[in-house]
Protein backbone atom coordinates (compact mmCIF):
# COMPACT_ATOMS: atom_id res chain seq x y z
CA GLN A 1 19.88 10.13 12.56
CA VAL A 2 21.28 7.04 11.60
CA GLN A 3 21.51 6.73 7.96
CA LEU A 4 22.19 3.45 5.80
CA VAL A 5 24.44 4.11 2.42
CA GLU A 6 24.51 0.99 -0.42
CA SER A 7 27.26 0.50 -2.71
CA GLY A 8 28.74 -1.69 -4.97
CA GLY A 9 25.53 -2.45 -7.62
CA GLY A 10 26.54 -2.62 -11.24
CA LEU A 11 25.72 -4.49 -14.11
CA VAL A 12 27.05 -8.10 -14.95
CA GLN A 13 26.35 -10.95 -16.98
CA ALA A 14 24.68 -14.49 -15.98
CA GLY A 15 27.31 -16.56 -13.72
CA GLY A 16 29.51 -13.50 -12.62
CA SER A 17 29.67 -11.74 -9.07
CA LEU A 18 29.22 -8.34 -6.89
CA ARG A 19 29.81 -7.96 -3.46
CA LEU A 20 27.50 -5.14 -1.96
CA SER A 21 28.02 -3.05 1.08
CA CYS A 22 25.84 -0.85 3.06
CA ALA A 23 28.12 1.46 6.04
CA ALA A 24 25.93 3.37 8.65
CA SER A 25 26.38 6.38 9.97
CA ARG A 26 26.93 5.54 13.30
CA ASN A 27 28.35 2.34 14.66
CA ILE A 28 26.90 -0.74 12.77
CA ASN A 29 26.94 -3.16 16.10
CA SER A 30 24.02 -0.72 16.94
CA ILE A 31 21.90 -1.56 14.49
CA SER A 32 19.61 -4.48 14.46
CA ASP A 33 18.11 -7.02 12.40
CA ILE A 34 19.85 -5.68 9.62
CA ALA A 35 18.88 -7.49 6.68
CA TRP A 36 19.33 -6.84 2.23
CA TYR A 37 16.28 -6.47 0.65
CA ARG A 38 15.63 -6.02 -3.43
CA GLN A 39 12.90 -4.85 -5.73
CA PRO A 40 12.64 -6.47 -9.06
CA PRO A 41 11.24 -3.84 -12.40
CA GLY A 42 7.71 -3.61 -11.58
CA LYS A 43 7.60 -6.08 -8.54
CA GLN A 44 7.43 -5.39 -4.74
CA ARG A 45 10.46 -4.91 -2.39
CA GLU A 46 11.07 -8.53 -0.64
CA LEU A 47 13.91 -9.86 1.51
CA VAL A 48 16.80 -11.52 -0.13
CA ALA A 49 19.39 -11.85 3.29
CA GLY A 50 19.15 -11.02 6.50
CA ILE A 51 21.77 -11.13 10.21
CA GLY A 52 18.72 -11.65 13.22
CA VAL A 53 19.23 -10.08 16.86
CA ARG A 54 21.45 -13.61 17.73
CA ASN A 55 23.79 -12.87 14.33
CA ASN A 56 21.62 -15.70 12.91
CA LYS A 57 21.80 -15.69 8.77
CA HIS A 58 18.50 -15.94 7.13
CA TYR A 59 18.10 -16.41 3.34
CA ALA A 60 15.15 -16.03 0.73
CA ASP A 61 15.29 -19.57 -0.83
CA ALA A 62 16.10 -18.11 -4.49
CA VAL A 63 19.71 -16.43 -3.66
CA LYS A 64 20.62 -19.51 -1.10
CA GLY A 65 23.77 -21.03 -2.15
CA ARG A 66 25.11 -18.12 -3.84
CA PHE A 67 24.38 -15.02 -1.78
CA THR A 68 26.16 -14.99 1.64
CA VAL A 69 25.57 -12.38 3.80
CA SER A 70 28.11 -10.98 6.86
CA ARG A 71 29.21 -7.96 9.09
CA ASP A 72 32.21 -6.53 10.32
CA ASN A 73 32.09 -4.01 13.35
CA THR A 74 31.40 -1.28 9.88
CA LYS A 75 29.77 -2.37 7.46
CA LEU A 76 27.20 -4.99 5.93
CA TYR A 77 27.81 -6.93 3.14
CA LEU A 78 26.46 -8.91 0.18
CA GLN A 79 28.30 -11.34 -1.43
CA MET A 80 26.43 -12.64 -4.60
CA ASN A 81 27.39 -15.08 -6.68
CA ASN A 82 26.68 -17.01 -10.14
CA LEU A 83 24.54 -13.79 -10.93
CA GLU A 84 20.79 -14.65 -13.19
CA PRO A 85 18.50 -11.90 -14.72
CA ASP A 86 16.39 -12.65 -12.17
CA ASP A 87 18.69 -10.86 -9.74
CA THR A 88 18.57 -7.78 -11.60
CA GLY A 89 17.02 -5.42 -9.45
CA ALA A 90 17.61 -2.08 -6.48
CA TYR A 91 18.77 -3.37 -3.68
CA TYR A 92 18.66 -1.88 -0.36
CA CYS A 93 19.53 -2.15 3.18
CA ARG A 94 17.38 -2.08 6.37
CA GLY A 95 17.98 -2.04 9.98
CA LYS A 96 16.72 -1.60 13.26
CA TYR A 97 17.89 1.88 15.75
CA GLY A 98 16.20 1.46 18.42
CA THR A 99 12.32 1.28 17.67
CA VAL A 100 12.99 3.18 14.14
CA THR A 101 12.92 1.13 11.08
CA ILE A 102 15.64 2.27 8.51
CA TRP A 103 16.42 2.23 5.03
CA GLY A 104 19.79 3.14 2.16
CA GLN A 105 18.96 4.46 -0.23
CA GLY A 106 19.67 1.48 -2.97
CA THR A 107 21.79 0.29 -4.77
CA GLN A 108 21.17 -1.06 -9.17
CA VAL A 109 21.83 -4.17 -9.81
CA THR A 110 21.58 -5.66 -13.23
CA VAL A 111 22.11 -8.62 -14.86
CA THR A 112 22.08 -9.55 -18.77
CA SER A 113 22.07 -13.44 -20.18
């Protein structure tokens, strides 16, 4: 069974930066359609950014120009710059291993004004 583990969350002031990481229990390259989601307090989980099967990157409109998704051979990353209070939430890594969708346990990001 493949597991995803997020890290890098924390408390930051508006305008600050954080870098989230997502590590896989298997080679990260064996996981497809990998993406970052977030769940703001009291709201539904939403897509933030991802890397598709052809390595095309996509972003939610709310984070374009501020967030950058990337990967290397071991991890998926989310560089978050110019953070805003509305970016507060639990951030999750999600991917597909074969036909199985896998979620990490999440890491909390809190942005204060």
